[in-house]
Amino acid sequence: MRRLPLIAIATLSALVATGCATMTVGAHVQHELNLSAYHTFDWGTPDALPASDPRFERNPFFTDRLLGAVEKGLVGRGFALSTSATPDLLVHYHATIARQPRVIREDPADGSCTRHDCVIEITRYEAATLVLDIVDARTNVLLWRGWAQGDADDILNNRGRMAKKIDESVARMLRRLPPKL
């Protein structure tokens, strides 16, 4: 039975893009990380702080889809979900939604304005962010952190869009996880 994590090791931002918005994905890897010594993983024990925005926490579809996508991705990378009490790795996640500014500027190159009458518009949008942390279970040292961030436009009310963006963000993050040597 898998445990539902309640917080990432560190609070950072990153999740899912929708529509024509761009998803930003990145990762930080411990210097010279060699994953060949790690074979099993499990979800980290819940923490006192929430793992995500309440709109995600109250959504069992989000949690199930996210956990399933991460587990599938890690199994595909050669790790096994632990059946013992002591896995090699612990996985934590943190998901947020925060209002962010977006700068929209007309481009003089497309003829929509001249240099002197170009309009700069600042709007706000909800940016969804997902962070995955992979921690050495014995030492509690953060080995890898991946993040994805994009526009949260209507993902909370559209399961199909949410599923697609969760799958895409997790897959793109885990591609940045070093291979087992």
Foldseek 3Di string as FASTA:
>chain_A
DADQAFADPDDDWFFFADDPKDKDKDKDFDPPDACQVFAEEGADHYDPHGQEDVLQVVDVLNRVLLVVLLQVLVVVLRHYYDPDPQHQKHKGKHKYKDKDKDKDWDDVVVVPDHPVPIDIDIDIFIKMKMKMWIAGRVPRHTGMIMMMIYGPPCLSPDSVRVSVGSNVRSNVRSVPPDHND
